[in-house]
Amino acid sequence: MKTKIFLLLTIAFLATSVNAQSKAHKDSLNAIIKTYYDLNVKVFQADSKPVDVANIFKIFTDDFTYVHPKYGGVYTRAVLLKGYLRNQKNGRYDSNITDIKIVNRIVGLNSVVVARKYITKEKGTGDSKMTLFEFKNGKISKIFEYW
């Protein structure tokens, strides 16, 4: 009888532990995505600085890649950084984007798919766009845009 009770308690503990770890993993990935979008909104403002761009790249792995088939394919971390800085220098970030709203997300093992919308001064809430994030060691290792 004691063995059965011990076995049941062990199973209950393990199930609770796995659920807690899964929730913590999910929460940490969601926090990184929120940080990513918050940092991008800051960069999209007309008064943003190169340090604001650098802050985005702190949450990327060294081997980070950005994939956007519709707009040119695969970008390395270095190429994407140059693009952000070039856009900033050329005034492409004009404060039109005021927020990015996540409308849905699916969290998997070291990955999250989000549906999100830009909120702009000109048009208000835009159309949903789908993005896949992959993670390694608590950082974003790949972003794949499906729009």
N, C-alpha and C. Protein backbone atom coordinates (compact mmCIF):
# COMPACT_ATOMS: atom_id res chain seq x y z
N MET A 1 0.83 -1.19 0.00
CA MET A 1 0.00 0.00 0.00
C MET A 1 0.87 1.25 0.00
N LYS A 2 1.93 1.27 0.84
CA LYS A 2 2.81 2.43 0.90
C LYS A 2 3.49 2.65 -0.45
N THR A 3 3.83 1.55 -1.13
CA THR A 3 4.48 1.66 -2.43
C THR A 3 3.55 2.31 -3.44
N LYS A 4 2.27 1.92 -3.42
CA LYS A 4 1.31 2.50 -4.34
C LYS A 4 1.13 4.00 -4.09
N ILE A 5 1.03 4.39 -2.84
CA ILE A 5 0.88 5.80 -2.49
C ILE A 5 2.12 6.58 -2.93
N PHE A 6 3.30 6.00 -2.65
CA PHE A 6 4.55 6.66 -3.06
C PHE A 6 4.60 6.82 -4.58
N LEU A 7 4.21 5.78 -5.30
CA LEU A 7 4.21 5.83 -6.76
C LEU A 7 3.24 6.90 -7.28
N LEU A 8 2.05 6.97 -6.72
CA LEU A 8 1.07 7.98 -7.12
C LEU A 8 1.57 9.39 -6.83
N LEU A 9 2.18 9.59 -5.66
CA LEU A 9 2.72 10.91 -5.32
C LEU A 9 3.87 11.29 -6.25
N THR A 10 4.71 10.34 -6.59
CA THR A 10 5.83 10.60 -7.50
C THR A 10 5.32 11.00 -8.88
N ILE A 11 4.33 10.28 -9.39
CA ILE A 11 3.75 10.60 -10.69
C ILE A 11 3.11 12.00 -10.66
N ALA A 12 2.39 12.30 -9.60
CA ALA A 12 1.75 13.62 -9.47
C ALA A 12 2.82 14.72 -9.43
N PHE A 13 3.89 14.50 -8.69
CA PHE A 13 4.98 15.49 -8.61
C PHE A 13 5.62 15.70 -9.98
N LEU A 14 5.90 14.60 -10.68
CA LEU A 14 6.54 14.72 -11.99
C LEU A 14 5.63 15.44 -12.98
N ALA A 15 4.37 15.15 -12.97
CA ALA A 15 3.43 15.81 -13.87
C ALA A 15 3.36 17.31 -13.58
N THR A 16 3.32 17.67 -12.31
CA THR A 16 3.30 19.08 -11.92
C THR A 16 4.60 19.76 -12.33
N SER A 17 5.72 19.09 -12.13
CA SER A 17 7.02 19.65 -12.47
C SER A 17 7.15 19.90 -13.98
N VAL A 18 6.70 18.94 -14.78
CA VAL A 18 6.76 19.08 -16.24
C VAL A 18 5.87 20.24 -16.69
N ASN A 19 4.67 20.34 -16.13
CA ASN A 19 3.77 21.43 -16.49
C ASN A 19 4.36 22.78 -16.11
N ALA A 20 4.99 22.87 -14.95
CA ALA A 20 5.61 24.13 -14.52
C ALA A 20 6.77 24.50 -15.44
N GLN A 21 7.58 23.51 -15.82
CA GLN A 21 8.69 23.78 -16.73
C GLN A 21 8.17 24.22 -18.10
N SER A 22 7.12 23.58 -18.59
CA SER A 22 6.55 23.95 -19.88
C SER A 22 6.01 25.37 -19.85
N LYS A 23 5.34 25.74 -18.78
CA LYS A 23 4.80 27.10 -18.66
C LYS A 23 5.94 28.10 -18.57
N ALA A 24 6.98 27.79 -17.81
CA ALA A 24 8.12 28.70 -17.70
C ALA A 24 8.80 28.87 -19.05
N HIS A 25 8.95 27.79 -19.81
CA HIS A 25 9.56 27.85 -21.14
C HIS A 25 8.71 28.73 -22.06
N LYS A 26 7.42 28.50 -22.05
CA LYS A 26 6.49 29.27 -22.89
C LYS A 26 6.55 30.75 -22.51
N ASP A 27 6.53 31.03 -21.21
CA ASP A 27 6.56 32.41 -20.74
C ASP A 27 7.86 33.11 -21.14
N SER A 28 8.98 32.39 -21.08
CA SER A 28 10.26 33.02 -21.42
C SER A 28 10.31 33.34 -22.92
N LEU A 29 9.81 32.46 -23.76
CA LEU A 29 9.79 32.73 -25.20
C LEU A 29 8.87 33.91 -25.52
N ASN A 30 7.71 33.95 -24.88
CA ASN A 30 6.78 35.05 -25.10
C ASN A 30 7.39 36.38 -24.64
N ALA A 31 8.15 36.36 -23.56
CA ALA A 31 8.79 37.59 -23.06
C ALA A 31 9.83 38.09 -24.06
N ILE A 32 10.58 37.18 -24.67
CA ILE A 32 11.58 37.59 -25.67
C ILE A 32 10.90 38.21 -26.88
N ILE A 33 9.80 37.63 -27.33
CA ILE A 33 9.07 38.18 -28.47
C ILE A 33 8.51 39.56 -28.14
N LYS A 34 7.96 39.71 -26.95
CA LYS A 34 7.44 41.03 -26.54
C LYS A 34 8.58 42.04 -26.56
N THR A 35 9.73 41.67 -26.03
CA THR A 35 10.89 42.56 -26.03
C THR A 35 11.28 42.92 -27.46
N TYR A 36 11.32 41.92 -28.34
CA TYR A 36 11.68 42.16 -29.74
C TYR A 36 10.75 43.20 -30.38
N TYR A 37 9.44 43.03 -30.23
CA TYR A 37 8.50 43.95 -30.84
C TYR A 37 8.55 45.33 -30.17
N ASP A 38 8.70 45.38 -28.85
CA ASP A 38 8.82 46.66 -28.17
C ASP A 38 10.05 47.43 -28.65
N LEU A 39 11.18 46.74 -28.81
CA LEU A 39 12.40 47.38 -29.29
C LEU A 39 12.24 47.86 -30.73
N ASN A 40 11.54 47.10 -31.55
CA ASN A 40 11.31 47.52 -32.93
C ASN A 40 10.44 48.78 -32.99
N VAL A 41 9.41 48.85 -32.17
CA VAL A 41 8.57 50.05 -32.15
C VAL A 41 9.43 51.27 -31.79
N LYS A 42 10.34 51.09 -30.86
CA LYS A 42 11.22 52.20 -30.48
C LYS A 42 12.10 52.61 -31.67
N VAL A 43 12.64 51.64 -32.41
CA VAL A 43 13.48 51.94 -33.57
C VAL A 43 12.66 52.63 -34.66
N PHE A 44 11.41 52.28 -34.81
CA PHE A 44 10.57 52.84 -35.88
C PHE A 44 10.22 54.31 -35.66
N GLN A 45 10.61 54.87 -34.53
CA GLN A 45 10.32 56.28 -34.26
C GLN A 45 11.38 57.16 -34.91
N ALA A 46 10.98 58.36 -35.32
CA ALA A 46 11.86 59.28 -36.04
C ALA A 46 13.08 59.68 -35.22
N ASP A 47 12.97 59.69 -33.92
CA ASP A 47 14.09 60.11 -33.08
C ASP A 47 14.92 58.94 -32.55
N SER A 48 14.75 57.75 -33.14
CA SER A 48 15.52 56.59 -32.66
C SER A 48 17.01 56.77 -32.99
N LYS A 49 17.83 56.09 -32.22
CA LYS A 49 19.29 56.19 -32.33
C LYS A 49 19.87 54.81 -32.68
N PRO A 50 21.12 54.79 -33.17
CA PRO A 50 21.77 53.49 -33.45
C PRO A 50 21.81 52.55 -32.24
N VAL A 51 21.88 53.09 -31.04
CA VAL A 51 21.88 52.24 -29.85
C VAL A 51 20.56 51.48 -29.73
N ASP A 52 19.48 52.08 -30.21
CA ASP A 52 18.18 51.39 -30.18
C ASP A 52 18.20 50.17 -31.10
N VAL A 53 18.84 50.32 -32.25
CA VAL A 53 19.01 49.18 -33.17
C VAL A 53 19.89 48.13 -32.50
N ALA A 54 20.98 48.56 -31.90
CA ALA A 54 21.90 47.62 -31.23
C ALA A 54 21.18 46.80 -30.16
N ASN A 55 20.23 47.42 -29.47
CA ASN A 55 19.48 46.70 -28.43
C ASN A 55 18.68 45.54 -29.00
N ILE A 56 18.17 45.70 -30.21
CA ILE A 56 17.46 44.58 -30.85
C ILE A 56 18.43 43.41 -31.06
N PHE A 57 19.60 43.72 -31.55
CA PHE A 57 20.56 42.68 -31.90
C PHE A 57 21.16 41.97 -30.69
N LYS A 58 20.98 42.53 -29.51
CA LYS A 58 21.43 41.86 -28.28
C LYS A 58 20.60 40.61 -27.99
N ILE A 59 19.39 40.55 -28.51
CA ILE A 59 18.54 39.37 -28.24
C ILE A 59 18.61 38.34 -29.37
N PHE A 60 19.54 38.53 -30.31
CA PHE A 60 19.77 37.57 -31.40
C PHE A 60 21.01 36.75 -31.10
N THR A 61 21.02 35.50 -31.55
CA THR A 61 22.23 34.68 -31.46
C THR A 61 23.25 35.20 -32.47
N ASP A 62 24.50 34.79 -32.29
CA ASP A 62 25.56 35.20 -33.21
C ASP A 62 25.31 34.69 -34.63
N ASP A 63 24.67 33.53 -34.75
CA ASP A 63 24.42 32.94 -36.07
C ASP A 63 22.99 33.21 -36.56
N PHE A 64 22.37 34.24 -36.04
CA PHE A 64 21.00 34.63 -36.37
C PHE A 64 20.82 34.80 -37.88
N THR A 65 19.64 34.38 -38.38
CA THR A 65 19.26 34.65 -39.77
C THR A 65 17.81 35.13 -39.80
N TYR A 66 17.55 35.97 -40.79
CA TYR A 66 16.22 36.52 -41.03
C TYR A 66 15.82 36.08 -42.44
N VAL A 67 14.69 35.42 -42.54
CA VAL A 67 14.25 34.88 -43.82
C VAL A 67 12.93 35.55 -44.19
N HIS A 68 12.93 36.17 -45.37
CA HIS A 68 11.73 36.82 -45.88
C HIS A 68 11.69 36.61 -47.39
N PRO A 69 11.15 35.48 -47.85
CA PRO A 69 11.17 35.15 -49.28
C PRO A 69 10.59 36.23 -50.18
N LYS A 70 9.56 36.92 -49.73
CA LYS A 70 8.91 37.94 -50.56
C LYS A 70 9.82 39.15 -50.79
N TYR A 71 10.70 39.43 -49.83
CA TYR A 71 11.56 40.61 -49.92
C TYR A 71 13.04 40.28 -49.97
N GLY A 72 13.40 39.26 -50.69
CA GLY A 72 14.81 39.04 -50.94
C GLY A 72 15.45 37.81 -50.36
N GLY A 73 14.75 37.05 -49.59
CA GLY A 73 15.32 35.78 -49.15
C GLY A 73 15.92 35.78 -47.77
N VAL A 74 17.18 35.34 -47.67
CA VAL A 74 17.84 35.10 -46.38
C VAL A 74 18.85 36.22 -46.10
N TYR A 75 18.76 36.77 -44.89
CA TYR A 75 19.67 37.82 -44.46
C TYR A 75 20.45 37.35 -43.24
N THR A 76 21.75 37.54 -43.25
CA THR A 76 22.55 37.24 -42.07
C THR A 76 22.33 38.34 -41.04
N ARG A 77 22.82 38.10 -39.86
CA ARG A 77 22.76 39.10 -38.79
C ARG A 77 23.41 40.41 -39.25
N ALA A 78 24.60 40.30 -39.85
CA ALA A 78 25.35 41.50 -40.27
C ALA A 78 24.61 42.28 -41.35
N VAL A 79 24.03 41.58 -42.31
CA VAL A 79 23.30 42.25 -43.40
C VAL A 79 22.05 42.93 -42.84
N LEU A 80 21.34 42.26 -41.96
CA LEU A 80 20.14 42.85 -41.38
C LEU A 80 20.49 44.09 -40.55
N LEU A 81 21.57 44.03 -39.79
CA LEU A 81 22.01 45.18 -39.00
C LEU A 81 22.29 46.38 -39.91
N LYS A 82 23.01 46.14 -40.99
CA LYS A 82 23.29 47.23 -41.95
C LYS A 82 22.00 47.81 -42.51
N GLY A 83 21.04 46.96 -42.79
CA GLY A 83 19.76 47.42 -43.31
C GLY A 83 19.01 48.30 -42.31
N TYR A 84 18.96 47.87 -41.05
CA TYR A 84 18.32 48.68 -40.02
C TYR A 84 18.98 50.05 -39.92
N LEU A 85 20.32 50.06 -39.86
CA LEU A 85 21.05 51.32 -39.70
C LEU A 85 20.91 52.22 -40.92
N ARG A 86 20.90 51.62 -42.12
CA ARG A 86 20.71 52.39 -43.35
C ARG A 86 19.32 53.02 -43.36
N ASN A 87 18.31 52.23 -43.03
CA ASN A 87 16.94 52.77 -42.99
C ASN A 87 16.82 53.90 -41.97
N GLN A 88 17.47 53.72 -40.84
CA GLN A 88 17.43 54.76 -39.81
C GLN A 88 18.11 56.04 -40.31
N LYS A 89 19.28 55.89 -40.89
CA LYS A 89 20.03 57.04 -41.39
C LYS A 89 19.27 57.76 -42.50
N ASN A 90 18.57 57.02 -43.34
CA ASN A 90 17.84 57.60 -44.47
C ASN A 90 16.44 58.09 -44.12
N GLY A 91 16.09 58.06 -42.83
CA GLY A 91 14.81 58.58 -42.39
C GLY A 91 13.61 57.71 -42.67
N ARG A 92 13.84 56.43 -42.93
CA ARG A 92 12.72 55.51 -43.21
C ARG A 92 11.87 55.25 -41.97
N TYR A 93 12.47 55.42 -40.80
CA TYR A 93 11.71 55.26 -39.56
C TYR A 93 11.17 56.63 -39.19
N ASP A 94 9.86 56.81 -39.39
CA ASP A 94 9.25 58.14 -39.34
C ASP A 94 8.15 58.27 -38.28
N SER A 95 8.11 57.36 -37.35
CA SER A 95 7.12 57.37 -36.26
C SER A 95 5.72 56.98 -36.71
N ASN A 96 5.55 56.52 -37.95
CA ASN A 96 4.22 56.11 -38.40
C ASN A 96 3.74 54.86 -37.65
N ILE A 97 4.64 53.91 -37.41
CA ILE A 97 4.26 52.70 -36.65
C ILE A 97 4.31 53.05 -35.17
N THR A 98 3.14 52.94 -34.53
CA THR A 98 3.05 53.32 -33.11
C THR A 98 2.99 52.12 -32.18
N ASP A 99 2.67 50.95 -32.72
CA ASP A 99 2.61 49.75 -31.89
C ASP A 99 2.57 48.52 -32.79
N ILE A 100 2.85 47.38 -32.19
CA ILE A 100 2.71 46.09 -32.86
C ILE A 100 1.88 45.22 -31.92
N LYS A 101 0.74 44.79 -32.40
CA LYS A 101 -0.19 44.01 -31.58
C LYS A 101 -0.12 42.53 -31.98
N ILE A 102 0.16 41.68 -31.01
CA ILE A 102 0.13 40.23 -31.25
C ILE A 102 -1.31 39.77 -31.05
N VAL A 103 -1.87 39.17 -32.10
CA VAL A 103 -3.27 38.75 -32.04
C VAL A 103 -3.43 37.25 -31.80
N ASN A 104 -2.36 36.49 -32.04
CA ASN A 104 -2.40 35.05 -31.78
C ASN A 104 -0.97 34.54 -31.73
N ARG A 105 -0.78 33.44 -31.02
CA ARG A 105 0.53 32.81 -30.98
C ARG A 105 0.39 31.33 -30.68
N ILE A 106 1.31 30.56 -31.23
CA ILE A 106 1.40 29.13 -30.93
C ILE A 106 2.84 28.88 -30.51
N VAL A 107 3.01 28.35 -29.31
CA VAL A 107 4.34 28.10 -28.77
C VAL A 107 4.67 26.63 -28.90
N GLY A 108 5.84 26.34 -29.48
CA GLY A 108 6.33 24.97 -29.60
C GLY A 108 7.67 24.84 -28.90
N LEU A 109 8.37 23.78 -29.19
CA LEU A 109 9.68 23.55 -28.61
C LEU A 109 10.68 24.51 -29.24
N ASN A 110 11.13 25.48 -28.47
CA ASN A 110 12.09 26.49 -28.93
C ASN A 110 11.62 27.25 -30.18
N SER A 111 10.32 27.41 -30.30
CA SER A 111 9.78 28.15 -31.44
C SER A 111 8.41 28.72 -31.08
N VAL A 112 8.09 29.83 -31.75
CA VAL A 112 6.79 30.46 -31.57
C VAL A 112 6.36 31.03 -32.92
N VAL A 113 5.12 30.79 -33.28
CA VAL A 113 4.52 31.42 -34.45
C VAL A 113 3.56 32.48 -33.92
N VAL A 114 3.67 33.69 -34.47
CA VAL A 114 2.77 34.75 -34.06
C VAL A 114 2.01 35.31 -35.26
N ALA A 115 0.80 35.72 -35.01
CA ALA A 115 0.05 36.56 -35.94
C ALA A 115 0.04 37.93 -35.27
N ARG A 116 0.47 38.95 -36.02
CA ARG A 116 0.58 40.29 -35.44
C ARG A 116 0.15 41.33 -36.45
N LYS A 117 -0.17 42.50 -35.91
CA LYS A 117 -0.61 43.61 -36.75
C LYS A 117 0.16 44.87 -36.36
N TYR A 118 0.56 45.63 -37.37
CA TYR A 118 1.12 46.95 -37.12
C TYR A 118 -0.02 47.92 -36.83
N ILE A 119 0.19 48.79 -35.87
CA ILE A 119 -0.73 49.89 -35.60
C ILE A 119 -0.01 51.14 -36.10
N THR A 120 -0.62 51.85 -37.05
CA THR A 120 0.03 53.01 -37.66
C THR A 120 -0.82 54.26 -37.49
N LYS A 121 -0.15 55.41 -37.57
CA LYS A 121 -0.86 56.69 -37.51
C LYS A 121 -1.75 56.86 -38.74
N GLU A 122 -1.25 56.44 -39.89
CA GLU A 122 -1.96 56.65 -41.15
C GLU A 122 -3.20 55.78 -41.31
N LYS A 123 -3.06 54.48 -41.01
CA LYS A 123 -4.14 53.53 -41.33
C LYS A 123 -4.76 52.84 -40.12
N GLY A 124 -4.25 53.11 -38.94
CA GLY A 124 -4.75 52.40 -37.77
C GLY A 124 -4.21 50.98 -37.74
N THR A 125 -5.09 50.02 -37.49
CA THR A 125 -4.69 48.62 -37.39
C THR A 125 -4.57 48.00 -38.78
N GLY A 126 -3.40 47.44 -39.07
CA GLY A 126 -3.16 46.82 -40.37
C GLY A 126 -3.59 45.37 -40.41
N ASP A 127 -3.28 44.73 -41.52
CA ASP A 127 -3.60 43.32 -41.72
C ASP A 127 -2.69 42.43 -40.88
N SER A 128 -3.17 41.23 -40.57
CA SER A 128 -2.36 40.26 -39.83
C SER A 128 -1.19 39.78 -40.68
N LYS A 129 -0.06 39.61 -40.03
CA LYS A 129 1.13 39.08 -40.66
C LYS A 129 1.64 37.95 -39.79
N MET A 130 2.13 36.88 -40.43
CA MET A 130 2.58 35.69 -39.70
C MET A 130 4.10 35.62 -39.66
N THR A 131 4.64 35.35 -38.46
CA THR A 131 6.08 35.26 -38.27
C THR A 131 6.41 34.07 -37.39
N LEU A 132 7.44 33.32 -37.79
CA LEU A 132 7.95 32.20 -36.99
C LEU A 132 9.26 32.63 -36.35
N PHE A 133 9.37 32.45 -35.05
CA PHE A 133 10.60 32.70 -34.31
C PHE A 133 11.17 31.36 -33.85
N GLU A 134 12.48 31.20 -34.02
CA GLU A 134 13.17 30.04 -33.46
C GLU A 134 14.20 30.56 -32.45
N PHE A 135 14.46 29.76 -31.42
CA PHE A 135 15.30 30.19 -30.31
C PHE A 135 16.41 29.19 -30.01
N LYS A 136 17.55 29.72 -29.56
CA LYS A 136 18.65 28.91 -29.02
C LYS A 136 19.22 29.64 -27.82
N ASN A 137 19.36 28.93 -26.74
CA ASN A 137 20.00 29.48 -25.53
C ASN A 137 19.39 30.81 -25.09
N GLY A 138 18.08 30.91 -25.16
CA GLY A 138 17.39 32.09 -24.66
C GLY A 138 17.45 33.30 -25.57
N LYS A 139 17.87 33.11 -26.82
CA LYS A 139 17.92 34.21 -27.78
C LYS A 139 17.23 33.79 -29.08
N ILE A 140 16.86 34.78 -29.88
CA ILE A 140 16.25 34.50 -31.18
C ILE A 140 17.34 34.07 -32.15
N SER A 141 17.17 32.90 -32.76
CA SER A 141 18.17 32.40 -33.70
C SER A 141 17.71 32.54 -35.15
N LYS A 142 16.41 32.61 -35.38
CA LYS A 142 15.89 32.76 -36.73
C LYS A 142 14.51 33.40 -36.67
N ILE A 143 14.28 34.29 -37.63
CA ILE A 143 12.95 34.85 -37.85
C ILE A 143 12.59 34.53 -39.29
N PHE A 144 11.43 33.93 -39.49
CA PHE A 144 10.94 33.59 -40.82
C PHE A 144 9.62 34.30 -41.03
N GLU A 145 9.58 35.23 -41.96
CA GLU A 145 8.35 35.99 -42.23
C GLU A 145 7.54 35.27 -43.30
N TYR A 146 6.25 35.12 -43.06
CA TYR A 146 5.34 34.47 -44.00
C TYR A 146 4.33 35.45 -44.55
N TRP A 147 4.77 36.63 -44.92
CA TRP A 147 3.87 37.61 -45.52
C TRP A 147 4.56 38.32 -46.64
